[in-house]
Protein backbone atom coordinates (compact mmCIF):
# COMPACT_ATOMS: atom_id res chain seq x y z
CA MET A 1 170.97 84.12 6.33
CA ALA A 2 172.99 87.29 5.80
CA GLN A 3 174.51 85.84 2.62
CA GLU A 4 171.04 85.10 1.23
CA ALA A 5 169.87 88.64 1.99
CA ALA A 6 172.98 90.08 0.34
CA LYS A 7 172.46 87.87 -2.72
CA GLU A 8 168.82 88.89 -3.08
CA GLY A 9 169.75 92.56 -2.91
CA ALA A 10 172.52 92.25 -5.49
CA ALA A 11 172.00 92.19 -9.23
CA LEU A 12 171.30 88.70 -10.47
CA SER A 13 173.87 87.12 -12.74
CA LEU A 14 172.58 85.46 -15.90
CA GLU A 15 176.04 84.18 -16.78
CA GLY A 16 175.68 80.85 -18.57
CA VAL A 17 171.97 81.35 -19.27
CA SER A 18 171.20 81.10 -23.00
CA THR A 19 169.58 83.90 -24.93
CA ARG A 20 169.20 81.76 -28.06
CA LYS A 21 168.17 78.18 -28.84
CA GLY A 22 169.48 77.31 -32.27
CA HIS A 23 168.22 79.95 -34.67
CA ARG A 24 165.58 81.45 -32.39
CA HIS A 25 165.46 83.46 -29.19
CA ALA A 26 165.09 81.42 -26.00
CA PHE A 27 161.66 81.62 -24.39
CA VAL A 28 161.48 83.09 -20.87
CA HIS A 29 160.57 79.71 -19.33
CA GLU A 30 163.65 78.13 -20.95
CA ARG A 31 165.92 80.84 -19.57
CA VAL A 32 164.33 80.63 -16.10
CA LEU A 33 164.83 76.86 -16.06
CA GLU A 34 168.51 77.25 -16.99
CA PHE A 35 168.91 79.86 -14.24
CA ILE A 36 167.27 77.64 -11.60
CA VAL A 37 169.19 74.51 -12.72
CA ARG A 38 172.49 76.42 -12.54
CA ASP A 39 171.77 77.70 -9.03
CA THR A 40 170.46 74.29 -7.89
CA GLU A 41 173.67 72.62 -9.06
CA GLN A 42 175.88 75.29 -7.44
CA GLN A 43 173.97 76.11 -4.23
CA GLY A 44 171.17 73.57 -3.78
CA SER A 45 168.41 76.07 -4.65
CA SER A 46 167.77 79.43 -6.25
CA CYS A 47 166.51 82.38 -4.18
CA PHE A 48 165.47 85.57 -5.94
CA SER A 49 162.76 88.15 -5.97
CA LYS A 50 160.57 87.88 -9.05
CA ARG A 51 160.99 91.60 -9.69
CA ALA A 52 164.81 91.32 -9.73
CA LEU A 53 164.85 88.30 -12.04
CA ALA A 54 162.25 89.83 -14.38
CA GLU A 55 164.38 92.94 -14.60
CA ALA A 56 167.51 90.89 -15.34
CA LEU A 57 165.66 88.93 -18.04
CA GLY A 58 164.10 92.07 -19.51
CA CYS A 59 160.53 90.86 -19.10
CA ASP A 60 157.46 91.73 -17.06
CA VAL A 61 156.94 90.15 -13.60
CA LYS A 62 153.67 88.59 -14.85
CA THR A 63 155.55 86.92 -17.72
CA LEU A 64 158.08 85.54 -15.25
CA ASP A 65 155.28 84.33 -12.98
CA ARG A 66 153.67 82.47 -15.91
CA ALA A 67 157.03 80.89 -16.78
CA ILE A 68 157.54 79.66 -13.20
CA THR A 69 153.97 78.32 -13.09
CA ARG A 70 154.59 76.44 -16.33
CA LEU A 71 157.83 74.91 -15.01
CA LYS A 72 156.10 73.83 -11.79
CA ARG A 73 153.18 72.36 -13.76
CA GLU A 74 155.63 70.43 -15.98
CA GLY A 75 157.24 69.04 -12.82
CA VAL A 76 160.76 70.32 -13.48
CA VAL A 77 160.84 72.95 -10.72
CA GLU A 78 159.61 72.92 -7.13
CA THR A 79 158.91 75.89 -4.86
CA VAL A 80 160.03 75.98 -1.22
CA PRO A 81 158.54 78.72 0.98
CA ARG A 82 161.05 80.57 3.19
CA PHE A 83 160.54 82.54 6.39
CA ASP A 84 162.74 84.80 8.52
CA ALA A 85 163.37 84.28 12.25
CA ASN A 86 160.22 86.27 13.13
CA GLY A 87 157.99 84.24 10.81
CA GLY A 88 157.85 86.84 8.05
CA GLN A 89 157.75 85.42 4.55
CA LEU A 90 160.83 85.79 2.35
CA PRO A 91 160.99 85.21 -1.42
CA ASN A 92 160.51 81.52 -2.22
CA ALA A 93 163.41 79.23 -2.98
CA TYR A 94 163.21 77.30 -6.26
CA ARG A 95 164.86 73.97 -6.98
CA ALA A 96 165.21 72.11 -10.23
CA LYS A 97 164.17 68.48 -9.99
CA LEU A 98 167.38 66.98 -11.32
CA SER A 99 167.34 63.33 -12.32
């Protein structure tokens, strides 16, 4: 649990997440999916605050929220609620549905 708290407080790494797709800029939902897939493959899930990831991506929190909603609606990402030992809600965990 301490590692997760430390990770959430640290700056998020977008290493390996594309900024371009061919000759165009990558859409936010494409970058978020790459980020979640990378973390799912490495750690089993991705835990982040929306504010921290939006800041790292250089977009608004509402834009990030729309991107996550789109990915969930398309069935490529699932959300797992998380709680601390006292029952307080923590930022959700996100997992890519890998085939």
